[in-house]
Amino acid sequence: MLWDENDKRGWLVNGTDTVLHLLHASLNHSRNIFSSAFLPDSKTQPEKLGSTETKSVLGILSDPEARALRLYVERTVEREEEIRDDAAGTAPRTASIKEITNYRVEDRIEHLYNTLEKLIDYKADLEKAAVSRLGLPGYGASLRDRTSGTFTPVTTPSTYESAP
């Protein structure tokens, strides 16, 4: 469930739809603020990720090509390495090697999953603390326990057995 605190309304949404929406929104937000840091091939990111008109949301989020898209350079490490060419009999030489690590769409998706997991854990911890503080029945009580033993099923075997 997503909740808009300003409008005081909420929406029940599919988890993968939420992650895709957050991915697009976070990429657009980051691109607006840090546009010079984004790599040129990531400027058209929403188009490269695909559309829900042509692919399922899960298909977009699990597409290896979309997940591998580079967003920006995360880290550059330079190191010196000695190179020996024993066959040629030349003296060893030193080469400078530059290792570049790129932040990819996959990294952003992982970051979003981790953030959502922390939010869910935080909410569960708050509920658990409130339940114990108020002296209510144990945390995680079933729906039947929370509704004083009354539970009305939406359908019964006779309802769907008699259908034409």
Protein backbone atom coordinates (compact mmCIF):
# COMPACT_ATOMS: atom_id res chain seq x y z
CA MET A 1 0.00 0.00 0.00
CA LEU A 2 1.26 3.45 -0.90
CA TRP A 3 0.06 6.40 1.14
CA ASP A 4 -0.01 10.07 0.14
CA GLU A 5 0.29 11.99 3.39
CA ASN A 6 -0.70 15.32 1.79
CA ASP A 7 -3.94 14.01 0.26
CA LYS A 8 -4.55 11.47 3.04
CA ARG A 9 -5.29 8.67 0.59
CA GLY A 10 -3.73 5.34 -0.25
CA TRP A 11 -3.46 2.82 -3.04
CA LEU A 12 -3.10 -0.93 -3.01
CA VAL A 13 -0.51 -1.65 -5.65
CA ASN A 14 1.43 -4.61 -6.95
CA GLY A 15 4.99 -4.76 -5.58
CA THR A 16 6.73 -5.06 -8.95
CA ASP A 17 4.69 -2.15 -10.35
CA THR A 18 5.83 -0.09 -7.37
CA VAL A 19 9.49 -0.95 -7.90
CA LEU A 20 9.30 -0.04 -11.61
CA HIS A 21 7.56 3.24 -10.81
CA LEU A 22 10.18 4.04 -8.14
CA LEU A 23 12.95 3.12 -10.58
CA HIS A 24 11.66 5.53 -13.24
CA ALA A 25 10.99 8.28 -10.70
CA SER A 26 14.37 7.95 -9.00
CA LEU A 27 16.23 7.92 -12.33
CA ASN A 28 14.39 11.02 -13.52
CA HIS A 29 15.01 12.79 -10.21
CA SER A 30 18.71 11.89 -10.18
CA ARG A 31 19.09 12.82 -13.84
CA ASN A 32 17.57 16.27 -13.18
CA ILE A 33 19.90 16.96 -10.26
CA PHE A 34 23.10 15.23 -11.41
CA SER A 35 22.70 15.36 -15.20
CA SER A 36 26.41 15.97 -15.84
CA ALA A 37 27.36 12.78 -13.97
CA PHE A 38 25.10 10.51 -16.02
CA LEU A 39 26.73 8.74 -18.93
CA PRO A 40 25.57 9.84 -22.41
CA ASP A 41 24.01 6.45 -23.22
CA SER A 42 21.83 6.65 -20.09
CA LYS A 43 20.13 9.90 -21.14
CA THR A 44 17.38 7.93 -22.91
CA GLN A 45 17.01 5.48 -20.04
CA PRO A 46 13.20 5.19 -19.87
CA GLU A 47 13.07 4.19 -23.54
CA LYS A 48 15.85 1.63 -23.08
CA LEU A 49 14.13 0.05 -20.08
CA GLY A 50 11.11 -0.81 -22.17
CA SER A 51 7.44 -0.08 -21.92
CA THR A 52 4.72 -1.92 -20.05
CA GLU A 53 2.80 -1.84 -23.33
CA THR A 54 5.31 -4.24 -24.91
CA LYS A 55 6.62 -6.12 -21.84
CA SER A 56 5.35 -7.15 -18.44
CA VAL A 57 6.65 -5.21 -15.45
CA LEU A 58 8.49 -8.29 -14.22
CA GLY A 59 9.93 -8.74 -17.71
CA ILE A 60 11.32 -5.20 -17.64
CA LEU A 61 12.80 -5.53 -14.14
CA SER A 62 14.41 -8.90 -14.89
CA ASP A 63 15.65 -8.11 -18.43
CA PRO A 64 19.46 -8.64 -18.36
CA GLU A 65 20.05 -5.95 -21.00
CA ALA A 66 18.00 -3.36 -19.11
CA ARG A 67 19.64 -4.26 -15.78
CA ALA A 68 23.12 -3.92 -17.31
CA LEU A 69 22.55 -0.37 -18.60
CA ARG A 70 25.25 1.93 -17.25
CA LEU A 71 24.05 5.06 -15.45
CA TYR A 72 27.22 6.79 -14.23
CA VAL A 73 30.79 6.11 -13.18
CA GLU A 74 30.72 5.02 -9.56
CA ARG A 75 34.42 4.55 -8.92
CA THR A 76 37.72 4.88 -10.77
CA VAL A 77 40.82 3.17 -9.39
CA GLU A 78 44.24 3.64 -10.91
CA ARG A 79 47.08 1.29 -10.11
CA GLU A 80 50.55 0.55 -11.37
CA GLU A 81 51.37 -2.94 -12.59
CA GLU A 82 54.73 -4.36 -13.58
CA ILE A 83 54.67 -6.15 -16.93
CA ARG A 84 57.41 -8.65 -17.83
CA ASP A 85 57.93 -10.02 -21.29
CA ASP A 86 60.39 -12.83 -20.62
CA ALA A 87 60.17 -14.17 -24.18
CA ALA A 88 61.49 -10.92 -25.67
CA GLY A 89 64.19 -10.57 -23.02
CA THR A 90 63.36 -6.93 -22.37
CA ALA A 91 63.45 -5.22 -19.01
CA PRO A 92 60.21 -5.12 -17.03
CA ARG A 93 58.08 -2.05 -17.57
CA THR A 94 55.39 -0.40 -15.50
CA ALA A 95 51.92 0.16 -16.89
CA SER A 96 49.20 2.30 -15.42
CA ILE A 97 45.90 0.45 -15.30
CA LYS A 98 42.60 2.25 -14.78
CA GLU A 99 39.64 0.26 -13.45
CA ILE A 100 36.26 1.89 -13.86
CA THR A 101 33.20 0.63 -11.99
CA ASN A 102 29.87 1.80 -13.36
CA TYR A 103 26.67 2.19 -11.38
CA ARG A 104 24.03 0.28 -13.35
CA VAL A 105 20.26 0.00 -13.40
CA GLU A 106 20.69 -3.29 -11.52
CA ASP A 107 22.39 -1.41 -8.68
CA ARG A 108 19.51 1.09 -8.50
CA ILE A 109 16.93 -1.72 -8.42
CA GLU A 110 18.87 -3.40 -5.59
CA HIS A 111 19.01 -0.08 -3.72
CA LEU A 112 15.24 0.34 -4.07
CA TYR A 113 14.56 -3.21 -2.85
CA ASN A 114 16.79 -2.62 0.18
CA THR A 115 15.09 0.69 0.97
CA LEU A 116 11.62 -0.86 0.71
CA GLU A 117 12.69 -3.76 2.91
CA LYS A 118 13.95 -1.34 5.57
CA LEU A 119 10.67 0.60 5.46
CA ILE A 120 8.64 -2.59 5.86
CA ASP A 121 10.85 -3.76 8.74
CA TYR A 122 10.57 -0.35 10.41
CA LYS A 123 6.77 -0.40 10.14
CA ALA A 124 6.63 -3.94 11.55
CA ASP A 125 8.84 -2.90 14.48
CA LEU A 126 6.58 0.10 15.19
CA GLU A 127 3.48 -2.10 15.15
CA LYS A 128 5.13 -4.66 17.40
CA ALA A 129 6.12 -1.95 19.90
CA ALA A 130 2.61 -0.45 19.87
CA VAL A 131 0.99 -3.85 20.43
CA SER A 132 3.22 -4.68 23.38
CA ARG A 133 2.87 -1.16 24.85
CA LEU A 134 -0.93 -1.36 24.73
CA GLY A 135 -1.03 -4.87 26.15
CA LEU A 136 -2.93 -6.26 23.18
CA PRO A 137 -2.78 -9.94 22.25
CA GLY A 138 0.55 -11.10 20.87
CA TYR A 139 2.04 -9.55 17.78
CA GLY A 140 1.21 -11.48 14.66
CA ALA A 141 -2.14 -12.70 15.95
CA SER A 142 -4.30 -14.15 13.23
CA LEU A 143 -7.19 -12.25 11.69
CA ARG A 144 -9.61 -14.54 13.53
CA ASP A 145 -7.98 -13.67 16.90
CA ARG A 146 -8.07 -9.94 16.13
CA THR A 147 -11.76 -9.97 15.20
CA SER A 148 -12.90 -11.72 18.37
CA GLY A 149 -13.44 -15.07 16.67
CA THR A 150 -15.93 -13.98 14.03
CA PHE A 151 -14.90 -14.43 10.44
CA THR A 152 -17.27 -14.50 7.49
CA PRO A 153 -15.90 -16.12 4.31
CA VAL A 154 -16.63 -14.36 1.04
CA THR A 155 -17.54 -17.64 -0.67
CA THR A 156 -18.58 -21.03 0.58
CA PRO A 157 -18.31 -24.39 -1.19
CA SER A 158 -22.04 -24.29 -1.94
CA THR A 159 -21.71 -20.89 -3.64
CA TYR A 160 -19.30 -22.00 -6.35
CA GLU A 161 -20.54 -25.60 -6.64
CA SER A 162 -24.03 -24.46 -7.67
CA ALA A 163 -22.76 -22.02 -10.30
CA PRO A 164 -23.83 -22.93 -13.88
